[in-house]
């Protein structure tokens, strides 16, 4: 793929669905080289629909602000794929198993959409993604774990995790002494209450609840509490 005037391109859409044969499942026959994007030094908006790329991402444009790559073909984002300036990352229908390995810096990322990624087993480590505001996990049917670092995201808005109601099993952990402000199911005092979702497509089958707390004086601890014990009988 050779584009004249590539240095001036700020936005690009490459949709393999528009090519003959893709609808018949032959998209893997067309593979582009990553170096085709190397000269696009002003590229800010990029949409790739079920595109296969081969080669190193070291010289891929680092000016990207919005990346939409439906059908992302790799099991994880390559270490040399630098997305430092990306604000919105849309990877619906991807083949991701791990979004990225270990801790990876996405200091500008605010929106991450991983919907319909059927191979995704767990969310990534969000330790170096401090500005993430919205995480969309709709139809991630094999998602089994939500990484504990999500509890440290101060930019998260209430109800900004979308799609978890469709997951059969998942776990999450909120470190520290306080529940994040964006977490809606919380209460203070001597009781804990929450509402189980009742959406039509909810596949809720059970609840495993664990509460860890500290006493400010030498009160005796009774566990399980009387009312809670009755509900278990």
Protein backbone atom coordinates (compact mmCIF):
# COMPACT_ATOMS: atom_id res chain seq x y z
CA UNK A 1 0.00 0.00 0.00
CA UNK A 2 1.67 3.21 -1.22
CA UNK A 3 -0.03 6.54 -0.62
CA UNK A 4 1.14 9.78 -2.22
CA UNK A 5 1.16 12.70 0.17
CA UNK A 6 1.13 10.36 3.17
CA UNK A 7 2.87 13.01 5.28
CA UNK A 8 -0.29 15.18 5.23
CA UNK A 9 -2.84 12.49 6.11
CA UNK A 10 -4.62 13.11 9.42
CA UNK A 11 -7.44 10.56 9.13
CA UNK A 12 -7.72 7.18 7.41
CA UNK A 13 -10.33 4.41 7.13
CA UNK A 14 -9.44 0.98 5.78
CA UNK A 15 -12.42 -1.37 5.70
CA UNK A 16 -11.81 -4.92 4.50
CA UNK A 17 -15.55 -5.57 4.46
CA UNK A 18 -15.70 -3.45 1.33
CA UNK A 19 -13.37 -5.80 -0.54
CA UNK A 20 -14.61 -8.81 -2.42
CA UNK A 21 -14.03 -12.07 -0.60
CA UNK A 22 -13.98 -10.71 2.92
CA UNK A 23 -17.64 -11.45 3.41
CA UNK A 24 -16.84 -15.05 2.47
CA UNK A 25 -14.22 -15.33 5.20
CA UNK A 26 -11.11 -14.75 3.06
CA UNK A 27 -9.89 -11.57 4.77
CA UNK A 28 -6.71 -13.33 5.97
CA UNK A 29 -5.50 -13.48 2.36
CA UNK A 30 -4.92 -9.71 2.32
CA UNK A 31 -2.10 -8.59 4.62
CA UNK A 32 -0.62 -5.09 4.77
CA UNK A 33 2.81 -4.13 6.05
CA UNK A 34 3.01 -1.84 9.07
CA UNK A 35 5.70 0.27 7.39
CA UNK A 36 3.01 1.54 5.02
CA UNK A 37 1.95 3.85 7.86
CA UNK A 38 5.45 5.01 8.78
CA UNK A 39 5.32 8.23 6.73
CA UNK A 40 1.94 9.33 8.13
CA UNK A 41 3.51 11.60 10.73
CA UNK A 42 0.28 13.64 11.20
CA UNK A 43 -2.13 10.72 11.48
CA UNK A 44 -4.57 11.34 14.34
CA UNK A 45 -7.67 9.29 13.46
CA UNK A 46 -7.38 5.70 12.23
CA UNK A 47 -10.13 3.16 11.63
CA UNK A 48 -9.22 -0.39 10.62
CA UNK A 49 -12.02 -2.89 10.09
CA UNK A 50 -10.77 -6.48 10.17
CA UNK A 51 -7.40 -5.51 8.73
CA UNK A 52 -4.39 -7.82 8.92
CA UNK A 53 -1.04 -6.09 9.51
CA UNK A 54 2.41 -7.65 9.44
CA UNK A 55 5.71 -6.26 10.68
CA UNK A 56 7.06 -4.12 13.49
CA UNK A 57 4.98 -1.31 15.00
CA UNK A 58 8.09 0.61 16.05
CA UNK A 59 7.62 3.25 13.32
CA UNK A 60 3.83 3.30 13.51
CA UNK A 61 2.52 6.90 13.90
CA UNK A 62 2.72 8.06 17.49
CA UNK A 63 0.40 11.00 16.82
CA UNK A 64 -2.76 8.84 16.97
CA UNK A 65 -5.52 10.18 19.21
CA UNK A 66 -8.34 7.84 18.18
CA UNK A 67 -7.79 4.24 17.09
CA UNK A 68 -10.66 1.99 16.05
CA UNK A 69 -9.47 -1.48 15.06
CA UNK A 70 -12.40 -3.87 14.83
CA UNK A 71 -11.28 -7.48 14.56
CA UNK A 72 -7.82 -6.80 16.02
CA UNK A 73 -6.05 -10.04 14.98
CA UNK A 74 -3.43 -10.41 17.72
CA UNK A 75 -3.70 -12.00 21.19
CA UNK A 76 -2.23 -8.89 22.83
CA UNK A 77 -1.03 -5.41 21.91
CA UNK A 78 2.61 -5.65 20.88
CA UNK A 79 5.16 -4.05 23.19
CA UNK A 80 6.50 -1.92 20.31
CA UNK A 81 3.00 -0.59 19.49
CA UNK A 82 3.25 2.79 21.23
CA UNK A 83 -0.15 4.35 21.87
CA UNK A 84 0.97 7.03 24.33
CA UNK A 85 -1.28 9.76 22.90
CA UNK A 86 -4.40 7.70 22.18
CA UNK A 87 -7.49 9.00 23.98
CA UNK A 88 -10.03 6.46 22.67
CA UNK A 89 -9.23 2.84 21.83
CA UNK A 90 -11.98 0.79 20.18
CA UNK A 91 -11.10 -2.89 19.74
CA UNK A 92 -14.46 -4.55 19.36
CA UNK A 93 -14.57 -8.10 17.94
CA UNK A 94 -10.85 -8.55 18.69
CA UNK A 95 -8.96 -11.80 19.23
CA UNK A 96 -7.34 -10.41 22.35
CA UNK A 97 -6.64 -12.77 25.23
CA UNK A 98 -4.55 -10.29 27.21
CA UNK A 99 -5.00 -6.67 26.16
CA UNK A 100 -1.38 -6.03 27.06
CA UNK A 101 1.22 -7.93 29.06
CA UNK A 102 2.14 -6.64 32.50
CA UNK A 103 2.02 -2.90 33.10
CA UNK A 104 1.83 -0.59 30.09
CA UNK A 105 1.62 3.20 30.06
CA UNK A 106 -1.45 4.73 28.39
CA UNK A 107 -1.40 8.08 30.13
CA UNK A 108 -3.87 9.73 27.71
CA UNK A 109 -6.37 6.87 27.38
CA UNK A 110 -9.91 7.76 28.52
CA UNK A 111 -12.14 5.28 26.67
CA UNK A 112 -11.45 1.56 26.15
CA UNK A 113 -14.00 -0.55 24.26
CA UNK A 114 -13.34 -4.30 24.18
CA UNK A 115 -16.89 -5.43 23.42
CA UNK A 116 -17.44 -8.77 21.65
CA UNK A 117 -13.87 -9.90 22.33
CA UNK A 118 -14.80 -13.52 22.95
CA UNK A 119 -11.28 -14.70 23.80
CA UNK A 120 -10.64 -12.09 26.48
CA UNK A 121 -10.11 -13.79 29.86
CA UNK A 122 -9.25 -10.82 32.09
CA UNK A 123 -8.90 -7.08 32.01
CA UNK A 124 -5.39 -5.60 31.84
CA UNK A 125 -3.39 -3.98 34.61
CA UNK A 126 -4.64 -0.37 34.81
CA UNK A 127 -1.82 0.86 37.07
CA UNK A 128 -0.36 3.10 34.35
CA UNK A 129 -3.70 4.16 32.83
CA UNK A 130 -4.58 6.93 35.32
CA UNK A 131 -7.08 8.85 33.18
CA UNK A 132 -9.35 6.01 32.06
CA UNK A 133 -13.00 7.10 32.36
CA UNK A 134 -14.98 4.42 30.51
CA UNK A 135 -14.44 0.68 30.09
CA UNK A 136 -16.85 -1.26 27.85
CA UNK A 137 -16.86 -5.07 28.08
CA UNK A 138 -20.14 -6.01 26.43
CA UNK A 139 -20.38 -9.63 25.25
CA UNK A 140 -16.92 -10.59 26.55
CA UNK A 141 -18.28 -14.05 27.29
CA UNK A 142 -15.04 -15.57 28.63
CA UNK A 143 -14.06 -12.69 30.88
CA UNK A 144 -13.40 -14.16 34.33
CA UNK A 145 -11.36 -11.54 36.17
CA UNK A 146 -11.34 -7.77 36.59
CA UNK A 147 -7.87 -6.60 37.56
CA UNK A 148 -7.65 -5.09 41.05
CA UNK A 149 -5.89 -1.90 39.86
CA UNK A 150 -9.21 -0.70 38.47
CA UNK A 151 -10.02 0.37 42.03
CA UNK A 152 -7.35 3.08 41.86
CA UNK A 153 -8.78 4.88 38.83
CA UNK A 154 -9.91 8.24 40.19
CA UNK A 155 -11.19 9.46 36.81
CA UNK A 156 -13.77 6.68 36.62
CA UNK A 157 -17.34 7.95 36.53
CA UNK A 158 -20.27 6.17 38.17
CA UNK A 159 -21.49 3.19 36.12
CA UNK A 160 -18.56 3.62 33.71
CA UNK A 161 -17.91 -0.12 33.50
CA UNK A 162 -20.34 -1.44 30.92
CA UNK A 163 -21.04 -5.06 30.14
CA UNK A 164 -20.14 -6.84 33.38
CA UNK A 165 -23.77 -7.80 33.98
CA UNK A 166 -23.43 -10.23 31.07
CA UNK A 167 -20.45 -12.07 32.52
CA UNK A 168 -21.04 -15.38 34.28
CA UNK A 169 -18.15 -15.10 36.78
CA UNK A 170 -15.95 -12.16 37.59
CA UNK A 171 -14.07 -10.79 40.57
CA UNK A 172 -12.84 -7.37 41.56
CA UNK A 173 -10.90 -5.92 44.46
CA UNK A 174 -10.83 -2.36 45.80
CA UNK A 175 -7.63 -1.69 47.77
CA UNK A 176 -7.31 1.00 50.41
CA UNK A 177 -9.59 2.20 53.15
CA UNK A 178 -12.39 3.64 51.00
CA UNK A 179 -14.60 2.44 48.19
CA UNK A 180 -14.10 4.57 45.02
CA UNK A 181 -16.68 7.35 44.53
CA UNK A 182 -17.74 5.95 41.15
CA UNK A 183 -18.77 2.59 42.69
CA UNK A 184 -22.54 2.73 43.10
CA UNK A 185 -23.11 -0.35 45.28
CA UNK A 186 -21.76 0.91 48.59
CA UNK A 187 -22.99 1.87 52.03
CA UNK A 188 -21.59 3.08 55.33
CA UNK A 189 -22.44 2.21 58.91
CA UNK A 190 -23.56 -1.08 60.39
CA UNK A 191 -25.28 -2.39 57.24
CA UNK A 192 -24.29 -3.20 53.69
CA UNK A 193 -26.88 -3.12 50.93
CA UNK A 194 -26.86 -3.49 47.17
CA UNK A 195 -29.23 -4.14 44.28
CA UNK A 196 -28.77 -7.05 41.89
CA UNK A 197 -29.37 -6.04 38.28
CA UNK A 198 -32.58 -7.24 36.63
CA UNK A 199 -31.80 -6.66 32.97
CA UNK A 200 -33.47 -9.00 30.44
CA UNK A 201 -30.16 -10.46 29.24
CA UNK A 202 -28.66 -10.80 32.71
CA UNK A 203 -27.29 -14.29 33.39
CA UNK A 204 -26.83 -13.82 37.12
CA UNK A 205 -26.65 -17.21 38.84
CA UNK A 206 -25.16 -16.57 42.27
CA UNK A 207 -23.32 -14.22 44.58
CA UNK A 208 -20.18 -14.70 46.66
CA UNK A 209 -19.88 -11.83 49.11
CA UNK A 210 -16.82 -11.08 51.23
CA UNK A 211 -16.55 -8.14 53.64
CA UNK A 212 -13.35 -7.08 55.40
CA UNK A 213 -13.62 -4.42 58.10
CA UNK A 214 -11.75 -3.06 61.13
CA UNK A 215 -13.11 -1.99 64.52
CA UNK A 216 -12.05 1.24 66.17
CA UNK A 217 -12.36 -0.23 69.70
CA UNK A 218 -12.29 -3.61 71.39
CA UNK A 219 -15.79 -4.66 70.43
CA UNK A 220 -16.46 -8.35 70.06
CA UNK A 221 -16.80 -9.66 66.51
CA UNK A 222 -19.75 -11.89 65.73
CA UNK A 223 -19.62 -13.66 62.37
CA UNK A 224 -21.79 -14.24 60.58
CA UNK A 225 -24.08 -11.46 61.83
CA UNK A 226 -27.43 -12.76 63.16
CA UNK A 227 -29.55 -11.45 60.26
CA UNK A 228 -27.05 -12.63 57.67
CA UNK A 229 -26.92 -16.08 59.31
CA UNK A 230 -30.69 -16.36 59.09
CA UNK A 231 -30.64 -15.62 55.37
CA UNK A 232 -28.22 -18.50 54.86
CA UNK A 233 -30.45 -21.07 56.52
